[in-house]
Amino acid sequence: MALKIKENNEMIEVWGHLNAQNMNSLSRHLEISRRRKEFLILSLDHIDSIDPTSTKILEQEYCNTAASNKVLTIIGQHNDSVKQVMQQTRTTYILSNDRI
């Protein structure tokens, strides 16, 4: 399944398998959204799988957003396939503890 990115109001939702090849699409989408919004919400609830490289790129996106004095809230802590890989790569700290 190809990566599907959908923006609803303030939330960017992602469906499919997130890997190094399609992570560029998500990064570009986040960059464009970061230019026009102060607060971004990224939902990984519908991700079927994620590879370790993608978690590191998400971490970089999280840090880049903070460096530009904006907020990126990443939800998906309840998605076991995402949480497991993020625990292995030690990037779970970027996942929000709160549900939106």
N, C-alpha and C. Protein backbone atom coordinates (compact mmCIF):
# COMPACT_ATOMS: atom_id res chain seq x y z
N MET A 1 0.84 -1.18 0.00
CA MET A 1 0.00 0.00 0.00
C MET A 1 0.88 1.24 0.00
N ALA A 2 0.58 2.17 -0.87
CA ALA A 2 1.32 3.42 -0.93
C ALA A 2 0.96 4.28 0.28
N LEU A 3 1.83 5.21 0.59
CA LEU A 3 1.60 6.13 1.69
C LEU A 3 0.51 7.12 1.31
N LYS A 4 -0.44 7.31 2.19
CA LYS A 4 -1.52 8.27 1.97
C LYS A 4 -1.44 9.32 3.07
N ILE A 5 -1.39 10.59 2.66
CA ILE A 5 -1.32 11.70 3.60
C ILE A 5 -2.57 12.54 3.41
N LYS A 6 -3.28 12.75 4.49
CA LYS A 6 -4.53 13.51 4.42
C LYS A 6 -4.52 14.54 5.54
N GLU A 7 -4.89 15.77 5.20
CA GLU A 7 -4.92 16.83 6.20
C GLU A 7 -6.37 17.19 6.48
N ASN A 8 -6.78 17.00 7.73
CA ASN A 8 -8.12 17.36 8.20
C ASN A 8 -7.98 18.46 9.24
N ASN A 9 -8.46 19.63 8.91
CA ASN A 9 -8.38 20.78 9.81
C ASN A 9 -6.94 20.97 10.28
N GLU A 10 -6.67 20.66 11.51
CA GLU A 10 -5.33 20.88 12.07
C GLU A 10 -4.49 19.60 12.12
N MET A 11 -5.06 18.46 11.71
CA MET A 11 -4.36 17.20 11.86
C MET A 11 -3.92 16.62 10.51
N ILE A 12 -2.68 16.18 10.47
CA ILE A 12 -2.13 15.47 9.31
C ILE A 12 -2.18 13.99 9.64
N GLU A 13 -2.96 13.23 8.89
CA GLU A 13 -3.09 11.80 9.12
C GLU A 13 -2.35 11.04 8.03
N VAL A 14 -1.68 9.97 8.44
CA VAL A 14 -0.88 9.18 7.51
C VAL A 14 -1.36 7.73 7.57
N TRP A 15 -1.56 7.13 6.39
CA TRP A 15 -1.97 5.73 6.26
C TRP A 15 -0.94 4.97 5.44
N GLY A 16 -0.76 3.71 5.76
CA GLY A 16 0.10 2.85 4.95
C GLY A 16 1.35 2.40 5.68
N HIS A 17 2.37 2.13 4.90
CA HIS A 17 3.66 1.67 5.42
C HIS A 17 4.65 2.81 5.27
N LEU A 18 5.20 3.25 6.37
CA LEU A 18 6.14 4.38 6.35
C LEU A 18 7.56 3.83 6.29
N ASN A 19 8.27 4.17 5.22
CA ASN A 19 9.64 3.69 5.06
C ASN A 19 10.52 4.81 4.51
N ALA A 20 11.78 4.52 4.37
CA ALA A 20 12.75 5.54 3.93
C ALA A 20 12.41 6.10 2.55
N GLN A 21 11.83 5.28 1.68
CA GLN A 21 11.53 5.73 0.32
C GLN A 21 10.39 6.74 0.30
N ASN A 22 9.33 6.52 1.08
CA ASN A 22 8.21 7.45 1.03
C ASN A 22 8.22 8.49 2.15
N MET A 23 9.21 8.42 3.00
CA MET A 23 9.34 9.40 4.08
C MET A 23 9.59 10.80 3.52
N ASN A 24 10.21 10.88 2.34
CA ASN A 24 10.44 12.19 1.72
C ASN A 24 9.14 12.92 1.46
N SER A 25 8.12 12.19 1.04
CA SER A 25 6.81 12.80 0.80
C SER A 25 6.24 13.40 2.08
N LEU A 26 6.33 12.66 3.17
CA LEU A 26 5.83 13.16 4.44
C LEU A 26 6.66 14.35 4.92
N SER A 27 7.96 14.29 4.75
CA SER A 27 8.83 15.41 5.16
C SER A 27 8.48 16.68 4.39
N ARG A 28 8.26 16.55 3.09
CA ARG A 28 7.87 17.72 2.29
C ARG A 28 6.53 18.28 2.75
N HIS A 29 5.59 17.40 3.03
CA HIS A 29 4.28 17.84 3.50
C HIS A 29 4.40 18.57 4.84
N LEU A 30 5.21 18.04 5.74
CA LEU A 30 5.42 18.69 7.04
C LEU A 30 6.09 20.06 6.87
N GLU A 31 7.04 20.15 5.95
CA GLU A 31 7.73 21.42 5.70
C GLU A 31 6.75 22.49 5.20
N ILE A 32 5.90 22.11 4.28
CA ILE A 32 4.91 23.06 3.75
C ILE A 32 3.94 23.48 4.85
N SER A 33 3.49 22.53 5.64
CA SER A 33 2.57 22.84 6.74
C SER A 33 3.24 23.70 7.80
N ARG A 34 4.52 23.46 8.04
CA ARG A 34 5.26 24.23 9.05
C ARG A 34 5.38 25.69 8.64
N ARG A 35 5.41 25.96 7.36
CA ARG A 35 5.51 27.35 6.87
C ARG A 35 4.25 28.15 7.16
N ARG A 36 3.10 27.48 7.18
CA ARG A 36 1.85 28.23 7.33
C ARG A 36 1.15 28.05 8.67
N LYS A 37 1.66 27.19 9.53
CA LYS A 37 1.02 26.95 10.82
C LYS A 37 2.03 26.97 11.96
N GLU A 38 1.56 27.37 13.12
CA GLU A 38 2.40 27.38 14.33
C GLU A 38 2.35 26.03 15.04
N PHE A 39 1.20 25.36 14.95
CA PHE A 39 0.99 24.08 15.64
C PHE A 39 0.61 23.03 14.62
N LEU A 40 1.32 21.92 14.64
CA LEU A 40 1.05 20.80 13.74
C LEU A 40 0.76 19.55 14.56
N ILE A 41 -0.21 18.77 14.09
CA ILE A 41 -0.52 17.49 14.72
C ILE A 41 -0.35 16.42 13.65
N LEU A 42 0.49 15.45 13.93
CA LEU A 42 0.74 14.35 13.01
C LEU A 42 0.23 13.07 13.65
N SER A 43 -0.72 12.41 12.99
CA SER A 43 -1.28 11.17 13.50
C SER A 43 -0.66 9.97 12.79
N LEU A 44 -0.07 9.08 13.58
CA LEU A 44 0.48 7.83 13.08
C LEU A 44 -0.41 6.65 13.46
N ASP A 45 -1.64 6.95 13.85
CA ASP A 45 -2.56 5.90 14.30
C ASP A 45 -2.88 4.89 13.21
N HIS A 46 -2.84 5.30 11.95
CA HIS A 46 -3.24 4.42 10.85
C HIS A 46 -2.05 3.82 10.10
N ILE A 47 -0.85 3.94 10.65
CA ILE A 47 0.35 3.38 10.02
C ILE A 47 0.36 1.87 10.25
N ASP A 48 0.55 1.12 9.16
CA ASP A 48 0.61 -0.34 9.27
C ASP A 48 1.98 -0.81 9.74
N SER A 49 3.03 -0.12 9.28
CA SER A 49 4.39 -0.45 9.70
C SER A 49 5.27 0.77 9.49
N ILE A 50 6.37 0.79 10.21
CA ILE A 50 7.33 1.88 10.11
C ILE A 50 8.72 1.27 10.22
N ASP A 51 9.67 1.78 9.45
CA ASP A 51 11.02 1.24 9.55
C ASP A 51 11.88 2.15 10.44
N PRO A 52 12.97 1.65 10.96
CA PRO A 52 13.82 2.43 11.88
C PRO A 52 14.32 3.75 11.29
N THR A 53 14.63 3.76 10.00
CA THR A 53 15.10 5.00 9.37
C THR A 53 14.03 6.08 9.45
N SER A 54 12.79 5.71 9.24
CA SER A 54 11.69 6.67 9.29
C SER A 54 11.52 7.27 10.69
N THR A 55 11.76 6.46 11.72
CA THR A 55 11.63 7.00 13.07
C THR A 55 12.70 8.07 13.33
N LYS A 56 13.88 7.85 12.80
CA LYS A 56 14.95 8.84 12.97
C LYS A 56 14.64 10.12 12.17
N ILE A 57 14.05 9.97 11.00
CA ILE A 57 13.68 11.15 10.21
C ILE A 57 12.55 11.90 10.91
N LEU A 58 11.60 11.18 11.50
CA LEU A 58 10.54 11.83 12.28
C LEU A 58 11.12 12.60 13.46
N GLU A 59 12.10 12.01 14.10
CA GLU A 59 12.78 12.68 15.21
C GLU A 59 13.43 13.98 14.72
N GLN A 60 14.05 13.92 13.57
CA GLN A 60 14.68 15.11 12.99
C GLN A 60 13.62 16.17 12.66
N GLU A 61 12.49 15.76 12.10
CA GLU A 61 11.39 16.69 11.80
C GLU A 61 10.86 17.33 13.09
N TYR A 62 10.76 16.54 14.14
CA TYR A 62 10.31 17.04 15.43
C TYR A 62 11.27 18.12 15.95
N CYS A 63 12.55 17.86 15.86
CA CYS A 63 13.56 18.81 16.31
C CYS A 63 13.60 20.06 15.42
N ASN A 64 13.46 19.89 14.12
CA ASN A 64 13.44 21.03 13.20
C ASN A 64 12.27 21.94 13.48
N THR A 65 11.12 21.35 13.79
CA THR A 65 9.94 22.15 14.11
C THR A 65 10.17 22.93 15.40
N ALA A 66 10.72 22.30 16.39
CA ALA A 66 11.01 22.98 17.65
C ALA A 66 12.04 24.10 17.45
N ALA A 67 13.01 23.86 16.59
CA ALA A 67 14.04 24.87 16.32
C ALA A 67 13.46 26.10 15.63
N SER A 68 12.36 25.93 14.93
CA SER A 68 11.72 27.06 14.27
C SER A 68 10.63 27.67 15.15
N ASN A 69 10.67 27.37 16.45
CA ASN A 69 9.73 27.90 17.44
C ASN A 69 8.29 27.56 17.12
N LYS A 70 8.07 26.35 16.64
CA LYS A 70 6.74 25.85 16.36
C LYS A 70 6.57 24.52 17.07
N VAL A 71 5.35 23.99 17.07
CA VAL A 71 5.06 22.77 17.82
C VAL A 71 4.59 21.68 16.87
N LEU A 72 5.20 20.50 16.98
CA LEU A 72 4.76 19.32 16.25
C LEU A 72 4.37 18.28 17.29
N THR A 73 3.08 17.97 17.34
CA THR A 73 2.57 16.94 18.23
C THR A 73 2.37 15.68 17.40
N ILE A 74 3.03 14.61 17.80
CA ILE A 74 2.92 13.34 17.06
C ILE A 74 2.14 12.36 17.93
N ILE A 75 1.00 11.92 17.40
CA ILE A 75 0.21 10.93 18.13
C ILE A 75 0.32 9.59 17.42
N GLY A 76 0.27 8.55 18.19
CA GLY A 76 0.42 7.20 17.64
C GLY A 76 0.95 6.24 18.67
N GLN A 77 0.97 6.67 19.90
CA GLN A 77 1.50 5.84 20.97
C GLN A 77 0.67 4.57 21.18
N HIS A 78 -0.58 4.60 20.73
CA HIS A 78 -1.45 3.43 20.90
C HIS A 78 -1.35 2.47 19.72
N ASN A 79 -0.55 2.82 18.71
CA ASN A 79 -0.33 1.94 17.57
C ASN A 79 0.89 1.08 17.89
N ASP A 80 0.66 -0.18 18.18
CA ASP A 80 1.73 -1.07 18.65
C ASP A 80 2.87 -1.24 17.65
N SER A 81 2.55 -1.27 16.34
CA SER A 81 3.61 -1.44 15.35
C SER A 81 4.53 -0.23 15.31
N VAL A 82 3.98 0.95 15.53
CA VAL A 82 4.80 2.17 15.56
C VAL A 82 5.58 2.24 16.87
N LYS A 83 4.91 2.03 17.97
CA LYS A 83 5.55 2.15 19.28
C LYS A 83 6.71 1.18 19.45
N GLN A 84 6.54 -0.04 18.96
CA GLN A 84 7.59 -1.06 19.11
C GLN A 84 8.88 -0.63 18.40
N VAL A 85 8.77 -0.16 17.16
CA VAL A 85 9.97 0.26 16.41
C VAL A 85 10.57 1.52 17.03
N MET A 86 9.71 2.42 17.50
CA MET A 86 10.23 3.64 18.13
C MET A 86 10.93 3.34 19.45
N GLN A 87 10.49 2.31 20.15
CA GLN A 87 11.19 1.91 21.36
C GLN A 87 12.58 1.37 21.02
N GLN A 88 12.67 0.61 19.94
CA GLN A 88 13.96 0.05 19.52
C GLN A 88 14.94 1.16 19.12
N THR A 89 14.43 2.23 18.51
CA THR A 89 15.29 3.32 18.05
C THR A 89 15.41 4.45 19.07
N ARG A 90 14.77 4.26 20.21
CA ARG A 90 14.80 5.24 21.30
C ARG A 90 14.27 6.61 20.87
N THR A 91 13.17 6.59 20.15
CA THR A 91 12.54 7.84 19.70
C THR A 91 11.12 7.99 20.22
N THR A 92 10.71 7.18 21.18
CA THR A 92 9.34 7.27 21.69
C THR A 92 9.07 8.60 22.39
N TYR A 93 10.12 9.30 22.80
CA TYR A 93 9.92 10.57 23.50
C TYR A 93 9.22 11.61 22.62
N ILE A 94 9.26 11.44 21.30
CA ILE A 94 8.60 12.41 20.42
C ILE A 94 7.10 12.15 20.31
N LEU A 95 6.64 11.00 20.78
CA LEU A 95 5.20 10.69 20.75
C LEU A 95 4.50 11.38 21.90
N SER A 96 3.38 12.00 21.60
CA SER A 96 2.60 12.68 22.63
C SER A 96 1.93 11.67 23.55
N ASN A 97 1.90 11.98 24.83
CA ASN A 97 1.23 11.13 25.79
C ASN A 97 -0.27 11.37 25.80
N ASP A 98 -0.68 12.51 25.28
CA ASP A 98 -2.09 12.88 25.29
C ASP A 98 -2.74 12.52 23.97
N ARG A 99 -4.01 12.18 24.04
CA ARG A 99 -4.82 11.96 22.84
C ARG A 99 -5.49 13.29 22.52
N ILE A 100 -5.62 13.57 21.27
CA ILE A 100 -6.21 14.85 20.85
C ILE A 100 -7.61 14.60 20.36
